[in-house]
Amino acid sequence: MSRKKKEQLKIKCVAYLSTDGDLYSTEKSENKQLRYLNDYATAHGIDICRVLRRNGMGQAMVNEHWKHMAQLIKKGFVDGVLIANTEAVSVGVPDAFYKVGQIYEAGGVVVTVDEGKLGMPVRRMKDGRMVLVNERY
């Protein structure tokens, strides 16, 4: 008798494509990044439901896209966001924590190919106050 593999629960994600460079090679670079994300998704049980492209736009557009993805998670269309790395969508460490926090607050998860599943070291208490997991009182 052969063993059956456990059925892995698939995470429905939005693949966000964000590359740097000139506008002429943006589409080609984003297509390469999509293949990179697809390979990771098939290996780790992630179902890519939607694809959003940065299309060479600035950081303000990335922020708007990020808000849109948080809304998709709140409405229950997807479970999280799949990106290549946090450097591609943020301008620094505080911005990266803010963006991951937005998705976490919406009830989703951020998965990066380079860093893995990102989380926040906070949890919601009964009174609605956000408290660090290791904080004691």
N, C-alpha and C. Protein backbone atom coordinates (compact mmCIF):
# COMPACT_ATOMS: atom_id res chain seq x y z
N MET A 1 0.82 -1.17 0.00
CA MET A 1 0.00 0.00 0.00
C MET A 1 0.88 1.25 0.00
N SER A 2 0.54 2.17 -0.82
CA SER A 2 1.32 3.41 -0.85
C SER A 2 0.71 4.44 0.10
N ARG A 3 1.58 5.26 0.60
CA ARG A 3 1.13 6.31 1.50
C ARG A 3 0.57 7.48 0.69
N LYS A 4 -0.49 8.03 1.20
CA LYS A 4 -1.04 9.22 0.57
C LYS A 4 -0.44 10.44 1.24
N LYS A 5 -0.10 11.40 0.43
CA LYS A 5 0.37 12.66 0.97
C LYS A 5 -0.79 13.39 1.61
N LYS A 6 -0.49 14.09 2.71
CA LYS A 6 -1.52 14.92 3.31
C LYS A 6 -1.89 16.02 2.33
N GLU A 7 -3.16 16.23 2.21
CA GLU A 7 -3.62 17.32 1.35
C GLU A 7 -3.24 18.64 2.02
N GLN A 8 -2.45 19.43 1.31
CA GLN A 8 -2.00 20.71 1.86
C GLN A 8 -3.07 21.76 1.62
N LEU A 9 -3.34 22.55 2.65
CA LEU A 9 -4.29 23.64 2.51
C LEU A 9 -3.64 24.74 1.70
N LYS A 10 -4.27 25.09 0.60
CA LYS A 10 -3.70 26.12 -0.26
C LYS A 10 -4.06 27.50 0.24
N ILE A 11 -3.09 28.41 0.17
CA ILE A 11 -3.30 29.80 0.52
C ILE A 11 -3.58 30.55 -0.78
N LYS A 12 -4.70 31.27 -0.82
CA LYS A 12 -5.03 32.08 -1.99
C LYS A 12 -4.32 33.42 -1.83
N CYS A 13 -3.51 33.78 -2.80
CA CYS A 13 -2.71 35.01 -2.70
C CYS A 13 -2.82 35.87 -3.95
N VAL A 14 -2.54 37.14 -3.74
CA VAL A 14 -2.34 38.09 -4.83
C VAL A 14 -0.84 38.15 -5.07
N ALA A 15 -0.42 37.94 -6.30
CA ALA A 15 1.00 38.08 -6.64
C ALA A 15 1.23 39.53 -7.03
N TYR A 16 2.13 40.19 -6.30
CA TYR A 16 2.43 41.60 -6.60
C TYR A 16 3.79 41.67 -7.26
N LEU A 17 3.81 42.16 -8.49
CA LEU A 17 5.03 42.26 -9.28
C LEU A 17 5.58 43.67 -9.19
N SER A 18 6.81 43.78 -8.73
CA SER A 18 7.44 45.08 -8.57
C SER A 18 8.91 44.96 -8.90
N THR A 19 9.34 45.66 -9.95
CA THR A 19 10.74 45.63 -10.35
C THR A 19 11.26 47.06 -10.52
N ASP A 20 12.55 47.18 -10.38
CA ASP A 20 13.22 48.47 -10.61
C ASP A 20 13.84 48.46 -12.00
N GLY A 21 14.09 49.62 -12.52
CA GLY A 21 14.73 49.71 -13.82
C GLY A 21 14.00 50.67 -14.73
N ASP A 22 14.44 50.67 -15.98
CA ASP A 22 13.82 51.59 -16.94
C ASP A 22 12.45 51.08 -17.37
N LEU A 23 11.64 51.99 -17.87
CA LEU A 23 10.27 51.65 -18.24
C LEU A 23 10.19 50.73 -19.46
N TYR A 24 11.24 50.71 -20.27
CA TYR A 24 11.22 49.90 -21.49
C TYR A 24 11.34 48.41 -21.19
N SER A 25 12.01 48.06 -20.10
CA SER A 25 12.20 46.64 -19.78
C SER A 25 11.34 46.19 -18.60
N THR A 26 10.42 47.03 -18.16
CA THR A 26 9.60 46.70 -16.99
C THR A 26 8.73 45.47 -17.23
N GLU A 27 8.05 45.41 -18.35
CA GLU A 27 7.15 44.29 -18.62
C GLU A 27 7.92 42.97 -18.69
N LYS A 28 9.07 42.99 -19.33
CA LYS A 28 9.90 41.79 -19.44
C LYS A 28 10.38 41.33 -18.06
N SER A 29 10.81 42.29 -17.23
CA SER A 29 11.28 41.96 -15.88
C SER A 29 10.15 41.44 -15.01
N GLU A 30 8.97 42.04 -15.13
CA GLU A 30 7.84 41.58 -14.34
C GLU A 30 7.37 40.20 -14.77
N ASN A 31 7.47 39.88 -16.06
CA ASN A 31 7.12 38.54 -16.51
C ASN A 31 8.08 37.50 -15.96
N LYS A 32 9.37 37.84 -15.89
CA LYS A 32 10.35 36.94 -15.27
C LYS A 32 10.04 36.75 -13.79
N GLN A 33 9.66 37.85 -13.13
CA GLN A 33 9.32 37.77 -11.71
C GLN A 33 8.06 36.92 -11.50
N LEU A 34 7.11 37.00 -12.40
CA LEU A 34 5.91 36.18 -12.29
C LEU A 34 6.24 34.70 -12.39
N ARG A 35 7.15 34.33 -13.29
CA ARG A 35 7.58 32.92 -13.37
C ARG A 35 8.25 32.49 -12.08
N TYR A 36 9.08 33.37 -11.52
CA TYR A 36 9.76 33.13 -10.25
C TYR A 36 8.75 32.90 -9.12
N LEU A 37 7.71 33.73 -9.06
CA LEU A 37 6.68 33.58 -8.04
C LEU A 37 5.83 32.33 -8.27
N ASN A 38 5.54 32.01 -9.53
CA ASN A 38 4.78 30.80 -9.84
C ASN A 38 5.51 29.55 -9.41
N ASP A 39 6.83 29.50 -9.64
CA ASP A 39 7.62 28.34 -9.22
C ASP A 39 7.57 28.17 -7.70
N TYR A 40 7.70 29.26 -6.97
CA TYR A 40 7.65 29.21 -5.51
C TYR A 40 6.26 28.80 -5.05
N ALA A 41 5.24 29.34 -5.69
CA ALA A 41 3.87 29.06 -5.29
C ALA A 41 3.52 27.58 -5.47
N THR A 42 3.91 26.99 -6.57
CA THR A 42 3.60 25.58 -6.79
C THR A 42 4.35 24.68 -5.82
N ALA A 43 5.54 25.08 -5.43
CA ALA A 43 6.33 24.27 -4.50
C ALA A 43 5.85 24.39 -3.06
N HIS A 44 5.15 25.48 -2.71
CA HIS A 44 4.77 25.71 -1.32
C HIS A 44 3.26 25.75 -1.08
N GLY A 45 2.48 25.26 -2.00
CA GLY A 45 1.03 25.17 -1.79
C GLY A 45 0.33 26.51 -1.76
N ILE A 46 0.72 27.41 -2.64
CA ILE A 46 0.09 28.72 -2.72
C ILE A 46 -0.63 28.83 -4.06
N ASP A 47 -1.86 29.29 -4.00
CA ASP A 47 -2.66 29.46 -5.21
C ASP A 47 -2.69 30.95 -5.55
N ILE A 48 -2.12 31.31 -6.68
CA ILE A 48 -2.12 32.71 -7.12
C ILE A 48 -3.46 32.99 -7.80
N CYS A 49 -4.29 33.79 -7.14
CA CYS A 49 -5.62 34.11 -7.67
C CYS A 49 -5.62 35.33 -8.57
N ARG A 50 -4.82 36.32 -8.18
CA ARG A 50 -4.77 37.57 -8.92
C ARG A 50 -3.33 38.03 -9.05
N VAL A 51 -3.09 38.84 -10.05
CA VAL A 51 -1.75 39.41 -10.26
C VAL A 51 -1.91 40.93 -10.39
N LEU A 52 -1.14 41.66 -9.58
CA LEU A 52 -1.09 43.11 -9.68
C LEU A 52 0.31 43.50 -10.11
N ARG A 53 0.40 44.42 -11.05
CA ARG A 53 1.70 44.87 -11.56
C ARG A 53 1.94 46.32 -11.18
N ARG A 54 3.18 46.60 -10.82
CA ARG A 54 3.58 47.97 -10.50
C ARG A 54 3.72 48.80 -11.78
N ASN A 55 4.15 48.18 -12.86
CA ASN A 55 4.32 48.81 -14.17
C ASN A 55 5.24 50.02 -14.14
N GLY A 56 6.26 49.98 -13.31
CA GLY A 56 7.24 51.06 -13.28
C GLY A 56 6.77 52.32 -12.58
N MET A 57 5.64 52.27 -11.92
CA MET A 57 5.11 53.45 -11.25
C MET A 57 5.88 53.70 -9.95
N GLY A 58 5.63 54.82 -9.33
CA GLY A 58 6.35 55.23 -8.13
C GLY A 58 5.82 54.59 -6.85
N GLN A 59 6.43 54.99 -5.74
CA GLN A 59 6.09 54.41 -4.45
C GLN A 59 4.66 54.76 -4.02
N ALA A 60 4.14 55.90 -4.44
CA ALA A 60 2.76 56.27 -4.11
C ALA A 60 1.78 55.26 -4.70
N MET A 61 2.06 54.77 -5.91
CA MET A 61 1.19 53.78 -6.52
C MET A 61 1.31 52.43 -5.81
N VAL A 62 2.51 52.10 -5.35
CA VAL A 62 2.69 50.86 -4.59
C VAL A 62 1.85 50.92 -3.32
N ASN A 63 1.85 52.08 -2.65
CA ASN A 63 1.05 52.23 -1.44
C ASN A 63 -0.44 52.07 -1.72
N GLU A 64 -0.91 52.61 -2.83
CA GLU A 64 -2.32 52.45 -3.22
C GLU A 64 -2.64 50.99 -3.53
N HIS A 65 -1.75 50.32 -4.25
CA HIS A 65 -1.94 48.90 -4.53
C HIS A 65 -2.01 48.10 -3.24
N TRP A 66 -1.14 48.46 -2.29
CA TRP A 66 -1.08 47.73 -1.02
C TRP A 66 -2.40 47.89 -0.26
N LYS A 67 -2.97 49.10 -0.26
CA LYS A 67 -4.27 49.32 0.38
C LYS A 67 -5.36 48.50 -0.31
N HIS A 68 -5.29 48.44 -1.63
CA HIS A 68 -6.26 47.65 -2.39
C HIS A 68 -6.16 46.17 -2.02
N MET A 69 -4.94 45.65 -1.88
CA MET A 69 -4.76 44.25 -1.51
C MET A 69 -5.27 43.98 -0.10
N ALA A 70 -5.09 44.92 0.80
CA ALA A 70 -5.63 44.77 2.16
C ALA A 70 -7.15 44.71 2.12
N GLN A 71 -7.77 45.51 1.25
CA GLN A 71 -9.23 45.46 1.11
C GLN A 71 -9.70 44.12 0.56
N LEU A 72 -8.95 43.56 -0.40
CA LEU A 72 -9.30 42.24 -0.93
C LEU A 72 -9.26 41.18 0.15
N ILE A 73 -8.30 41.31 1.07
CA ILE A 73 -8.18 40.35 2.17
C ILE A 73 -9.34 40.54 3.14
N LYS A 74 -9.68 41.78 3.47
CA LYS A 74 -10.80 42.04 4.38
C LYS A 74 -12.11 41.51 3.83
N LYS A 75 -12.29 41.62 2.52
CA LYS A 75 -13.53 41.14 1.90
C LYS A 75 -13.54 39.62 1.71
N GLY A 76 -12.41 38.97 1.93
CA GLY A 76 -12.35 37.52 1.87
C GLY A 76 -12.05 36.93 0.50
N PHE A 77 -11.66 37.74 -0.45
CA PHE A 77 -11.34 37.24 -1.78
C PHE A 77 -10.02 36.46 -1.79
N VAL A 78 -9.04 36.91 -1.01
CA VAL A 78 -7.73 36.26 -0.95
C VAL A 78 -7.29 36.16 0.51
N ASP A 79 -6.26 35.34 0.74
CA ASP A 79 -5.74 35.13 2.09
C ASP A 79 -4.45 35.89 2.36
N GLY A 80 -3.78 36.34 1.31
CA GLY A 80 -2.52 37.02 1.53
C GLY A 80 -1.91 37.59 0.26
N VAL A 81 -0.65 38.02 0.42
CA VAL A 81 0.09 38.65 -0.67
C VAL A 81 1.39 37.89 -0.87
N LEU A 82 1.74 37.61 -2.11
CA LEU A 82 2.99 36.96 -2.45
C LEU A 82 3.86 37.94 -3.22
N ILE A 83 5.07 38.19 -2.71
CA ILE A 83 6.01 39.10 -3.37
C ILE A 83 7.37 38.44 -3.46
N ALA A 84 8.25 39.00 -4.26
CA ALA A 84 9.60 38.45 -4.39
C ALA A 84 10.42 38.73 -3.14
N ASN A 85 10.44 39.99 -2.70
CA ASN A 85 11.11 40.36 -1.45
C ASN A 85 10.56 41.71 -0.98
N THR A 86 10.81 42.03 0.28
CA THR A 86 10.25 43.27 0.83
C THR A 86 10.95 44.50 0.26
N GLU A 87 12.16 44.34 -0.19
CA GLU A 87 12.90 45.46 -0.76
C GLU A 87 12.22 45.99 -2.03
N ALA A 88 11.51 45.13 -2.73
CA ALA A 88 10.86 45.53 -3.97
C ALA A 88 9.64 46.41 -3.76
N VAL A 89 9.04 46.36 -2.56
CA VAL A 89 7.81 47.11 -2.33
C VAL A 89 7.94 48.20 -1.27
N SER A 90 9.06 48.27 -0.58
CA SER A 90 9.19 49.26 0.48
C SER A 90 10.45 50.09 0.30
N VAL A 91 10.46 51.24 0.96
CA VAL A 91 11.62 52.13 0.86
C VAL A 91 12.56 51.98 2.05
N GLY A 92 12.19 51.19 3.02
CA GLY A 92 13.03 50.98 4.19
C GLY A 92 12.37 50.03 5.17
N VAL A 93 13.03 49.77 6.27
CA VAL A 93 12.53 48.83 7.26
C VAL A 93 11.22 49.31 7.89
N PRO A 94 11.09 50.59 8.30
CA PRO A 94 9.81 51.02 8.88
C PRO A 94 8.64 50.88 7.90
N ASP A 95 8.88 51.19 6.63
CA ASP A 95 7.85 51.06 5.61
C ASP A 95 7.46 49.60 5.42
N ALA A 96 8.44 48.71 5.46
CA ALA A 96 8.16 47.28 5.31
C ALA A 96 7.30 46.77 6.47
N PHE A 97 7.63 47.19 7.70
CA PHE A 97 6.82 46.77 8.85
C PHE A 97 5.41 47.34 8.75
N TYR A 98 5.27 48.57 8.27
CA TYR A 98 3.96 49.17 8.12
C TYR A 98 3.11 48.39 7.12
N LYS A 99 3.71 48.01 6.01
CA LYS A 99 2.96 47.28 4.98
C LYS A 99 2.58 45.88 5.44
N VAL A 100 3.50 45.20 6.09
CA VAL A 100 3.18 43.88 6.61
C VAL A 100 2.09 44.01 7.68
N GLY A 101 2.16 45.05 8.48
CA GLY A 101 1.15 45.30 9.50
C GLY A 101 -0.23 45.56 8.92
N GLN A 102 -0.29 46.26 7.80
CA GLN A 102 -1.58 46.50 7.14
C GLN A 102 -2.23 45.18 6.73
N ILE A 103 -1.44 44.31 6.15
CA ILE A 103 -1.97 43.02 5.70
C ILE A 103 -2.33 42.15 6.91
N TYR A 104 -1.50 42.17 7.93
CA TYR A 104 -1.76 41.40 9.14
C TYR A 104 -3.05 41.87 9.80
N GLU A 105 -3.26 43.18 9.87
CA GLU A 105 -4.47 43.73 10.47
C GLU A 105 -5.72 43.35 9.67
N ALA A 106 -5.58 43.24 8.36
CA ALA A 106 -6.70 42.85 7.51
C ALA A 106 -7.03 41.37 7.66
N GLY A 107 -6.14 40.62 8.30
CA GLY A 107 -6.38 39.19 8.51
C GLY A 107 -5.62 38.30 7.55
N GLY A 108 -4.64 38.86 6.86
CA GLY A 108 -3.90 38.10 5.86
C GLY A 108 -2.46 37.84 6.27
N VAL A 109 -1.73 37.34 5.31
CA VAL A 109 -0.34 37.00 5.52
C VAL A 109 0.47 37.49 4.33
N VAL A 110 1.72 37.88 4.58
CA VAL A 110 2.64 38.28 3.51
C VAL A 110 3.68 37.18 3.37
N VAL A 111 3.81 36.65 2.16
CA VAL A 111 4.79 35.61 1.88
C VAL A 111 5.76 36.16 0.85
N THR A 112 7.06 36.07 1.15
CA THR A 112 8.06 36.49 0.19
C THR A 112 8.89 35.29 -0.20
N VAL A 113 9.35 35.29 -1.43
CA VAL A 113 10.17 34.18 -1.91
C VAL A 113 11.51 34.18 -1.19
N ASP A 114 12.09 35.35 -0.97
CA ASP A 114 13.41 35.43 -0.35
C ASP A 114 13.39 35.27 1.16
N GLU A 115 12.37 35.84 1.85
CA GLU A 115 12.34 35.82 3.31
C GLU A 115 11.37 34.83 3.90
N GLY A 116 10.48 34.26 3.11
CA GLY A 116 9.49 33.32 3.62
C GLY A 116 8.24 34.04 4.10
N LYS A 117 7.52 33.39 5.03
CA LYS A 117 6.29 33.96 5.56
C LYS A 117 6.65 35.02 6.60
N LEU A 118 6.13 36.22 6.40
CA LEU A 118 6.41 37.32 7.33
C LEU A 118 5.26 37.45 8.31
N GLY A 119 5.61 37.72 9.54
CA GLY A 119 4.59 37.89 10.57
C GLY A 119 4.86 39.13 11.38
N MET A 120 3.97 39.43 12.28
CA MET A 120 4.12 40.56 13.18
C MET A 120 4.11 40.02 14.60
N PRO A 121 4.99 40.51 15.45
CA PRO A 121 5.04 40.01 16.83
C PRO A 121 4.00 40.69 17.72
N VAL A 122 2.78 40.82 17.24
CA VAL A 122 1.72 41.43 18.03
C VAL A 122 0.49 40.54 17.98
N ARG A 123 -0.39 40.73 18.91
CA ARG A 123 -1.67 40.04 18.88
C ARG A 123 -2.74 40.98 19.40
N ARG A 124 -3.96 40.73 19.07
CA ARG A 124 -5.06 41.59 19.48
C ARG A 124 -5.65 41.03 20.78
N MET A 125 -5.77 41.90 21.76
CA MET A 125 -6.36 41.51 23.04
C MET A 125 -7.87 41.72 23.00
N LYS A 126 -8.55 41.33 24.06
CA LYS A 126 -10.00 41.43 24.11
C LYS A 126 -10.50 42.87 24.03
N ASP A 127 -9.77 43.78 24.63
CA ASP A 127 -10.21 45.17 24.63
C ASP A 127 -9.81 45.92 23.35
N GLY A 128 -9.22 45.23 22.39
CA GLY A 128 -8.85 45.85 21.13
C GLY A 128 -7.48 46.47 21.12
N ARG A 129 -6.75 46.42 22.22
CA ARG A 129 -5.41 47.00 22.31
C ARG A 129 -4.40 46.02 21.73
N MET A 130 -3.52 46.52 20.86
CA MET A 130 -2.49 45.69 20.28
C MET A 130 -1.34 45.55 21.28
N VAL A 131 -0.95 44.34 21.59
CA VAL A 131 0.06 44.07 22.60
C VAL A 131 1.11 43.14 22.02
N LEU A 132 2.38 43.38 22.36
CA LEU A 132 3.44 42.48 21.93
C LEU A 132 3.24 41.12 22.56
N VAL A 133 3.60 40.07 21.84
CA VAL A 133 3.41 38.71 22.32
C VAL A 133 4.22 38.48 23.59
N ASN A 134 5.43 39.02 23.68
CA ASN A 134 6.27 38.76 24.83
C ASN A 134 6.09 39.80 25.93
N GLU A 135 5.15 40.73 25.78
CA GLU A 135 4.91 41.75 26.80
C GLU A 135 4.12 41.14 27.95
N ARG A 136 4.53 41.42 29.17
CA ARG A 136 3.83 40.90 30.36
C ARG A 136 3.30 42.06 31.17
N TYR A 137 2.10 41.87 31.71
CA TYR A 137 1.53 42.87 32.62
C TYR A 137 0.54 42.23 33.55
